[in-house]
Amino acid sequence: THTESYKGFQASADVFVNVSGIIQGGNDGAPPLSGPDTNKGEYVAAGLGYAGGISLEFSTETWYVHIGHPMPNRRIALDVAIGPLTVEFTSYFCIGELVPPIPPLPHNVTAIAGDLDLSRDFAQYANASGFAFGSSLDLESDGKFLIFYYELTAGIGFDINIRQYGDAICAGGGANAPSIGINGWYAAGQAWAYATGEIGIDVKLLFVTVRKEILSAGVAAVLQL
């Protein structure tokens, strides 16, 4: 695209994956990307295997490359079904002048460990220059044996975020407070793992199905820097 005030190149793409229903995109129902902070406003119907979006721009005004996005349902996501086991892999990579902040911990982790907020971002730094990368792997399985049922989930993941905050300074230091990080560059990261399990009774009595939990447990570990 070229005008008197703008010269540059923009592109976006949506990725769909469906291999015999075994390997599918994991973002069905999510909006495709059309830029770093907006979407097309159109939601993908279930069953199409939407895996995620890619957007980039190189121009006189800005530059960025976004392969997915840190927020849930906007990452590049693939689901693999192996019998009773479902495996979901998600990832994102952002670099340039419009890098979003580090995302919150997944719900499966905060449900066990509590809400640990790593974000130190102010609204004016919602999109700063830098680099962001993260991935996660989640497993789910459920089944039934005789009158008993089970549900198991587990997952691991990480996020790395390095951004330039310009003239932002450390809180509480007054007018002479130093800039955050090293010359305004600040790095943050987090890694997590979790596992949950539940067993119970699932029986059908005449016209009534009785499902009663016997035992459930969960454990999570979080490292934040």
C-alpha atoms as a PDB file:
ATOM      1  CA  THR A   1       0.000   0.000   0.000  1.00  0.00           C
ATOM      2  CA  HIS A   2       1.382   3.401  -0.963  1.00  0.00           C
ATOM      3  CA  THR A   3      -0.052   6.876  -0.418  1.00  0.00           C
ATOM      4  CA  GLU A   4       1.561  10.260   0.004  1.00  0.00           C
ATOM      5  CA  SER A   5       1.738   9.758   3.774  1.00  0.00           C
ATOM      6  CA  TYR A   6       2.036   5.968   3.981  1.00  0.00           C
ATOM      7  CA  LYS A   7       4.282   3.473   2.305  1.00  0.00           C
ATOM      8  CA  GLY A   8       4.394  -0.115   3.341  1.00  0.00           C
ATOM      9  CA  PHE A   9       3.210  -3.694   3.118  1.00  0.00           C
ATOM     10  CA  GLN A  10       0.456  -5.428   5.095  1.00  0.00           C
ATOM     11  CA  ALA A  11      -0.700  -9.024   5.029  1.00  0.00           C
ATOM     12  CA  SER A  12      -2.827 -11.427   7.063  1.00  0.00           C
ATOM     13  CA  ALA A  13      -3.765 -15.073   6.781  1.00  0.00           C
ATOM     14  CA  ASP A  14      -5.992 -17.560   8.563  1.00  0.00           C
ATOM     15  CA  VAL A  15      -4.867 -21.158   9.030  1.00  0.00           C
ATOM     16  CA  PHE A  16      -7.281 -24.112   8.972  1.00  0.00           C
ATOM     17  CA  VAL A  17      -6.283 -27.700   9.792  1.00  0.00           C
ATOM     18  CA  ASN A  18      -8.442 -30.822   9.661  1.00  0.00           C
ATOM     19  CA  VAL A  19      -6.775 -34.182   9.065  1.00  0.00           C
ATOM     20  CA  SER A  20      -9.537 -36.811   9.088  1.00  0.00           C
ATOM     21  CA  GLY A  21     -10.860 -35.345  12.321  1.00  0.00           C
ATOM     22  CA  ILE A  22      -7.761 -36.568  14.185  1.00  0.00           C
ATOM     23  CA  ILE A  23      -5.664 -33.408  13.965  1.00  0.00           C
ATOM     24  CA  GLN A  24      -7.689 -30.215  13.928  1.00  0.00           C
ATOM     25  CA  GLY A  25      -7.285 -26.517  14.520  1.00  0.00           C
ATOM     26  CA  GLY A  26      -8.204 -25.745  18.114  1.00  0.00           C
ATOM     27  CA  ASN A  27      -9.744 -22.277  17.743  1.00  0.00           C
ATOM     28  CA  ASP A  28     -13.193 -23.033  16.330  1.00  0.00           C
ATOM     29  CA  GLY A  29     -15.551 -20.287  17.414  1.00  0.00           C
ATOM     30  CA  ALA A  30     -12.754 -17.705  17.730  1.00  0.00           C
ATOM     31  CA  PRO A  31     -12.456 -14.560  15.581  1.00  0.00           C
ATOM     32  CA  PRO A  32      -9.764 -14.588  12.879  1.00  0.00           C
ATOM     33  CA  LEU A  33      -7.014 -11.981  13.196  1.00  0.00           C
ATOM     34  CA  SER A  34      -6.771  -9.018  10.885  1.00  0.00           C
ATOM     35  CA  GLY A  35      -4.294  -6.938  12.879  1.00  0.00           C
ATOM     36  CA  PRO A  36      -2.386  -6.844  16.169  1.00  0.00           C
ATOM     37  CA  ASP A  37      -5.279  -5.581  18.304  1.00  0.00           C
ATOM     38  CA  THR A  38      -8.425  -6.085  16.252  1.00  0.00           C
ATOM     39  CA  ASN A  39     -10.248  -8.911  14.549  1.00  0.00           C
ATOM     40  CA  LYS A  40     -12.494  -9.221  11.541  1.00  0.00           C
ATOM     41  CA  GLY A  41     -15.559  -9.489  13.710  1.00  0.00           C
ATOM     42  CA  GLU A  42     -16.479 -12.816  12.076  1.00  0.00           C
ATOM     43  CA  TYR A  43     -16.502 -16.013  14.112  1.00  0.00           C
ATOM     44  CA  VAL A  44     -15.464 -19.334  12.623  1.00  0.00           C
ATOM     45  CA  ALA A  45     -18.116 -22.042  12.681  1.00  0.00           C
ATOM     46  CA  ALA A  46     -17.341 -25.236  14.580  1.00  0.00           C
ATOM     47  CA  GLY A  47     -15.906 -28.088  12.562  1.00  0.00           C
ATOM     48  CA  LEU A  48     -13.797 -26.045  10.155  1.00  0.00           C
ATOM     49  CA  GLY A  49     -10.576 -26.581  12.092  1.00  0.00           C
ATOM     50  CA  TYR A  50      -9.523 -22.955  12.542  1.00  0.00           C
ATOM     51  CA  ALA A  51      -5.962 -23.052  13.917  1.00  0.00           C
ATOM     52  CA  GLY A  52      -5.216 -19.322  14.188  1.00  0.00           C
ATOM     53  CA  GLY A  53      -4.234 -16.174  12.392  1.00  0.00           C
ATOM     54  CA  ILE A  54      -1.060 -14.520  11.126  1.00  0.00           C
ATOM     55  CA  SER A  55      -0.688 -10.791  10.521  1.00  0.00           C
ATOM     56  CA  LEU A  56       2.243  -8.559   9.634  1.00  0.00           C
ATOM     57  CA  GLU A  57       3.064  -5.037   8.551  1.00  0.00           C
ATOM     58  CA  PHE A  58       6.227  -3.303   7.376  1.00  0.00           C
ATOM     59  CA  SER A  59       5.665   0.384   6.720  1.00  0.00           C
ATOM     60  CA  THR A  60       6.871   3.902   7.339  1.00  0.00           C
ATOM     61  CA  GLU A  61       4.560   4.029  10.383  1.00  0.00           C
ATOM     62  CA  THR A  62       5.222   0.719  12.128  1.00  0.00           C
ATOM     63  CA  TRP A  63       6.358  -2.866  11.738  1.00  0.00           C
ATOM     64  CA  TYR A  64       5.348  -6.104  13.401  1.00  0.00           C
ATOM     65  CA  VAL A  65       4.942  -9.825  12.832  1.00  0.00           C
ATOM     66  CA  HIS A  66       2.260 -11.669  14.802  1.00  0.00           C
ATOM     67  CA  ILE A  67       1.898 -15.425  14.508  1.00  0.00           C
ATOM     68  CA  GLY A  68      -1.044 -15.957  16.801  1.00  0.00           C
ATOM     69  CA  HIS A  69      -1.535 -13.817  19.906  1.00  0.00           C
ATOM     70  CA  PRO A  70      -0.820 -14.371  23.649  1.00  0.00           C
ATOM     71  CA  MET A  71      -4.475 -14.332  24.689  1.00  0.00           C
ATOM     72  CA  PRO A  72      -6.506 -17.591  24.794  1.00  0.00           C
ATOM     73  CA  ASN A  73      -8.419 -18.474  21.608  1.00  0.00           C
ATOM     74  CA  ARG A  74      -6.071 -16.276  19.571  1.00  0.00           C
ATOM     75  CA  ARG A  75      -2.976 -18.486  19.716  1.00  0.00           C
ATOM     76  CA  ILE A  76      -2.030 -20.961  17.026  1.00  0.00           C
ATOM     77  CA  ALA A  77      -3.743 -24.093  18.342  1.00  0.00           C
ATOM     78  CA  LEU A  78      -3.888 -27.736  17.280  1.00  0.00           C
ATOM     79  CA  ASP A  79      -5.969 -30.528  18.817  1.00  0.00           C
ATOM     80  CA  VAL A  80      -4.972 -34.179  18.412  1.00  0.00           C
ATOM     81  CA  ALA A  81      -7.437 -36.947  19.348  1.00  0.00           C
ATOM     82  CA  ILE A  82      -5.935 -40.330  20.267  1.00  0.00           C
ATOM     83  CA  GLY A  83      -8.670 -42.630  21.557  1.00  0.00           C
ATOM     84  CA  PRO A  84      -9.920 -41.254  24.889  1.00  0.00           C
ATOM     85  CA  LEU A  85      -6.984 -38.810  25.016  1.00  0.00           C
ATOM     86  CA  THR A  86      -7.103 -35.285  23.603  1.00  0.00           C
ATOM     87  CA  VAL A  87      -3.877 -33.293  23.258  1.00  0.00           C
ATOM     88  CA  GLU A  88      -3.916 -29.549  22.614  1.00  0.00           C
ATOM     89  CA  PHE A  89      -0.818 -27.611  21.599  1.00  0.00           C
ATOM     90  CA  THR A  90      -0.846 -23.808  21.461  1.00  0.00           C
ATOM     91  CA  SER A  91       1.839 -21.270  20.622  1.00  0.00           C
ATOM     92  CA  TYR A  92       2.371 -17.655  19.590  1.00  0.00           C
ATOM     93  CA  PHE A  93       5.215 -15.454  18.389  1.00  0.00           C
ATOM     94  CA  CYS A  94       5.117 -11.641  18.273  1.00  0.00           C
ATOM     95  CA  ILE A  95       7.920  -9.254  17.367  1.00  0.00           C
ATOM     96  CA  GLY A  96       8.058  -5.600  16.367  1.00  0.00           C
ATOM     97  CA  GLU A  97       6.525  -2.376  17.595  1.00  0.00           C
ATOM     98  CA  LEU A  98       3.104  -3.685  18.636  1.00  0.00           C
ATOM     99  CA  VAL A  99       3.899  -6.485  21.065  1.00  0.00           C
ATOM    100  CA  PRO A 100       1.120  -7.231  23.611  1.00  0.00           C
ATOM    101  CA  PRO A 101       1.880  -7.741  27.322  1.00  0.00           C
ATOM    102  CA  ILE A 102       2.452 -11.085  28.978  1.00  0.00           C
ATOM    103  CA  PRO A 103      -0.872 -12.948  29.322  1.00  0.00           C
ATOM    104  CA  PRO A 104      -2.465 -14.071  32.587  1.00  0.00           C
ATOM    105  CA  LEU A 105      -1.999 -17.623  33.790  1.00  0.00           C
ATOM    106  CA  PRO A 106      -4.413 -20.209  32.323  1.00  0.00           C
ATOM    107  CA  HIS A 107      -7.668 -20.818  34.156  1.00  0.00           C
ATOM    108  CA  ASN A 108      -6.694 -24.435  34.869  1.00  0.00           C
ATOM    109  CA  VAL A 109      -3.731 -23.112  36.873  1.00  0.00           C
ATOM    110  CA  THR A 110      -5.418 -20.223  38.705  1.00  0.00           C
ATOM    111  CA  ALA A 111      -8.299 -22.498  39.698  1.00  0.00           C
ATOM    112  CA  ILE A 112      -5.771 -24.403  41.816  1.00  0.00           C
ATOM    113  CA  ALA A 113      -2.992 -21.927  42.659  1.00  0.00           C
ATOM    114  CA  GLY A 114      -5.055 -18.729  42.789  1.00  0.00           C
ATOM    115  CA  ASP A 115      -4.770 -15.592  40.666  1.00  0.00           C
ATOM    116  CA  LEU A 116      -1.080 -14.663  40.492  1.00  0.00           C
ATOM    117  CA  ASP A 117      -0.917 -11.455  38.452  1.00  0.00           C
ATOM    118  CA  LEU A 118       2.482 -10.939  36.836  1.00  0.00           C
ATOM    119  CA  SER A 119       1.407  -8.002  34.673  1.00  0.00           C
ATOM    120  CA  ARG A 120       3.042  -4.713  35.591  1.00  0.00           C
ATOM    121  CA  ASP A 121       1.808  -2.987  32.467  1.00  0.00           C
ATOM    122  CA  PHE A 122       0.045   0.352  32.347  1.00  0.00           C
ATOM    123  CA  ALA A 123      -2.677   1.007  29.817  1.00  0.00           C
ATOM    124  CA  GLN A 124      -0.441   3.298  27.761  1.00  0.00           C
ATOM    125  CA  TYR A 125       2.007   0.416  27.297  1.00  0.00           C
ATOM    126  CA  ALA A 126      -0.571  -2.120  26.126  1.00  0.00           C
ATOM    127  CA  ASN A 127       1.393  -2.410  22.856  1.00  0.00           C
ATOM    128  CA  ALA A 128       5.113  -1.690  23.057  1.00  0.00           C
ATOM    129  CA  SER A 129       8.177  -2.632  21.041  1.00  0.00           C
ATOM    130  CA  GLY A 130       9.764  -5.960  21.797  1.00  0.00           C
ATOM    131  CA  PHE A 131       9.404  -9.705  21.582  1.00  0.00           C
ATOM    132  CA  ALA A 132       6.923 -12.258  22.959  1.00  0.00           C
ATOM    133  CA  PHE A 133       6.845 -16.032  22.676  1.00  0.00           C
ATOM    134  CA  GLY A 134       4.945 -18.761  24.461  1.00  0.00           C
ATOM    135  CA  SER A 135       3.675 -22.333  24.168  1.00  0.00           C
ATOM    136  CA  SER A 136       1.484 -24.747  26.085  1.00  0.00           C
ATOM    137  CA  LEU A 137       0.610 -28.440  26.008  1.00  0.00           C
ATOM    138  CA  ASP A 138      -2.608 -29.719  27.593  1.00  0.00           C
ATOM    139  CA  LEU A 139      -3.902 -33.275  27.958  1.00  0.00           C
ATOM    140  CA  GLU A 140      -7.458 -34.384  28.680  1.00  0.00           C
ATOM    141  CA  SER A 141      -8.883 -37.854  29.111  1.00  0.00           C
ATOM    142  CA  ASP A 142     -12.100 -39.319  30.453  1.00  0.00           C
ATOM    143  CA  GLY A 143     -13.757 -42.685  30.455  1.00  0.00           C
ATOM    144  CA  LYS A 144     -15.805 -45.237  32.327  1.00  0.00           C
ATOM    145  CA  PHE A 145     -15.112 -48.652  33.868  1.00  0.00           C
ATOM    146  CA  LEU A 146     -18.037 -50.672  35.192  1.00  0.00           C
ATOM    147  CA  ILE A 147     -19.974 -48.178  37.341  1.00  0.00           C
ATOM    148  CA  PHE A 148     -17.036 -45.800  37.782  1.00  0.00           C
ATOM    149  CA  TYR A 149     -15.988 -42.819  35.693  1.00  0.00           C
ATOM    150  CA  TYR A 150     -12.773 -40.820  35.608  1.00  0.00           C
ATOM    151  CA  GLU A 151     -11.644 -37.416  34.313  1.00  0.00           C
ATOM    152  CA  LEU A 152      -7.992 -36.445  34.043  1.00  0.00           C
ATOM    153  CA  THR A 153      -6.336 -33.216  32.884  1.00  0.00           C
ATOM    154  CA  ALA A 154      -2.718 -32.067  32.863  1.00  0.00           C
ATOM    155  CA  GLY A 155      -0.702 -29.344  31.207  1.00  0.00           C
ATOM    156  CA  ILE A 156       2.543 -27.379  31.021  1.00  0.00           C
ATOM    157  CA  GLY A 157       3.428 -24.069  29.408  1.00  0.00           C
ATOM    158  CA  PHE A 158       5.524 -20.908  29.439  1.00  0.00           C
ATOM    159  CA  ASP A 159       5.535 -17.260  28.330  1.00  0.00           C
ATOM    160  CA  ILE A 160       8.500 -14.977  27.608  1.00  0.00           C
ATOM    161  CA  ASN A 161       7.985 -11.239  27.180  1.00  0.00           C
ATOM    162  CA  ILE A 162      10.682  -8.612  26.525  1.00  0.00           C
ATOM    163  CA  ARG A 163       9.461  -5.082  25.802  1.00  0.00           C
ATOM    164  CA  GLN A 164      10.681  -1.492  25.601  1.00  0.00           C
ATOM    165  CA  TYR A 165       8.778   0.770  27.994  1.00  0.00           C
ATOM    166  CA  GLY A 166      10.361   4.038  26.908  1.00  0.00           C
ATOM    167  CA  ASP A 167      10.389   6.633  29.707  1.00  0.00           C
ATOM    168  CA  ALA A 168       8.528   4.496  32.282  1.00  0.00           C
ATOM    169  CA  ILE A 169      10.151   4.707  35.727  1.00  0.00           C
ATOM    170  CA  CYS A 170      10.155   2.552  38.840  1.00  0.00           C
ATOM    171  CA  ALA A 171       7.217   3.160  41.177  1.00  0.00           C
ATOM    172  CA  GLY A 172       7.826   4.953  44.460  1.00  0.00           C
ATOM    173  CA  GLY A 173      11.065   6.617  43.418  1.00  0.00           C
ATOM    174  CA  GLY A 174       9.743  10.098  42.752  1.00  0.00           C
ATOM    175  CA  ALA A 175      10.916  12.331  39.918  1.00  0.00           C
ATOM    176  CA  ASN A 176      14.465  10.949  40.131  1.00  0.00           C
ATOM    177  CA  ALA A 177      13.437   7.306  39.963  1.00  0.00           C
ATOM    178  CA  PRO A 178      15.417   5.193  37.480  1.00  0.00           C
ATOM    179  CA  SER A 179      13.841   3.801  34.342  1.00  0.00           C
ATOM    180  CA  ILE A 180      12.536   0.279  34.655  1.00  0.00           C
ATOM    181  CA  GLY A 181      14.668  -2.609  33.479  1.00  0.00           C
ATOM    182  CA  ILE A 182      17.794  -1.769  31.483  1.00  0.00           C
ATOM    183  CA  ASN A 183      17.362   1.473  29.529  1.00  0.00           C
ATOM    184  CA  GLY A 184      13.628   0.890  29.505  1.00  0.00           C
ATOM    185  CA  TRP A 185      13.844  -2.737  28.371  1.00  0.00           C
ATOM    186  CA  TYR A 186      12.045  -5.030  30.778  1.00  0.00           C
ATOM    187  CA  ALA A 187      11.835  -8.833  30.661  1.00  0.00           C
ATOM    188  CA  ALA A 188       9.165 -10.995  32.257  1.00  0.00           C
ATOM    189  CA  GLY A 189       8.493 -14.698  32.130  1.00  0.00           C
ATOM    190  CA  GLN A 190       6.401 -17.438  33.642  1.00  0.00           C
ATOM    191  CA  ALA A 191       6.177 -21.207  33.507  1.00  0.00           C
ATOM    192  CA  TRP A 192       3.514 -23.480  34.927  1.00  0.00           C
ATOM    193  CA  ALA A 193       2.341 -27.045  35.255  1.00  0.00           C
ATOM    194  CA  TYR A 194      -0.859 -28.552  36.606  1.00  0.00           C
ATOM    195  CA  ALA A 195      -2.706 -31.844  36.960  1.00  0.00           C
ATOM    196  CA  THR A 196      -6.245 -32.646  38.092  1.00  0.00           C
ATOM    197  CA  GLY A 197      -8.188 -35.841  38.514  1.00  0.00           C
ATOM    198  CA  GLU A 198     -11.673 -36.917  39.444  1.00  0.00           C
ATOM    199  CA  ILE A 199     -13.318 -40.292  39.967  1.00  0.00           C
ATOM    200  CA  GLY A 200     -16.906 -41.116  40.798  1.00  0.00           C
ATOM    201  CA  ILE A 201     -19.914 -43.324  40.222  1.00  0.00           C
ATOM    202  CA  ASP A 202     -22.013 -43.171  37.052  1.00  0.00           C
ATOM    203  CA  VAL A 203     -24.949 -45.583  36.958  1.00  0.00           C
ATOM    204  CA  LYS A 204     -28.319 -45.669  35.221  1.00  0.00           C
ATOM    205  CA  LEU A 205     -31.253 -46.648  37.405  1.00  0.00           C
ATOM    206  CA  LEU A 206     -34.421 -47.170  35.374  1.00  0.00           C
ATOM    207  CA  PHE A 207     -35.031 -43.737  33.840  1.00  0.00           C
ATOM    208  CA  VAL A 208     -32.575 -41.843  36.040  1.00  0.00           C
ATOM    209  CA  THR A 209     -28.805 -41.525  35.597  1.00  0.00           C
ATOM    210  CA  VAL A 210     -26.896 -41.026  38.841  1.00  0.00           C
ATOM    211  CA  ARG A 211     -23.468 -39.416  38.598  1.00  0.00           C
ATOM    212  CA  LYS A 212     -21.727 -38.765  41.911  1.00  0.00           C
ATOM    213  CA  GLU A 213     -18.165 -37.612  42.513  1.00  0.00           C
ATOM    214  CA  ILE A 214     -16.172 -39.716  44.994  1.00  0.00           C
ATOM    215  CA  LEU A 215     -12.778 -38.022  44.936  1.00  0.00           C
ATOM    216  CA  SER A 216     -11.139 -35.095  43.140  1.00  0.00           C
ATOM    217  CA  ALA A 217      -7.717 -33.532  43.504  1.00  0.00           C
ATOM    218  CA  GLY A 218      -5.494 -31.020  41.760  1.00  0.00           C
ATOM    219  CA  VAL A 219      -1.941 -29.732  41.964  1.00  0.00           C
ATOM    220  CA  ALA A 220      -0.247 -26.797  40.241  1.00  0.00           C
ATOM    221  CA  ALA A 221       3.201 -25.210  40.195  1.00  0.00           C
ATOM    222  CA  VAL A 222       4.056 -21.701  38.957  1.00  0.00           C
ATOM    223  CA  LEU A 223       7.369 -19.923  38.393  1.00  0.00           C
ATOM    224  CA  GLN A 224       7.251 -16.200  37.610  1.00  0.00           C
ATOM    225  CA  LEU A 225      10.114 -13.805  36.967  1.00  0.00           C
END
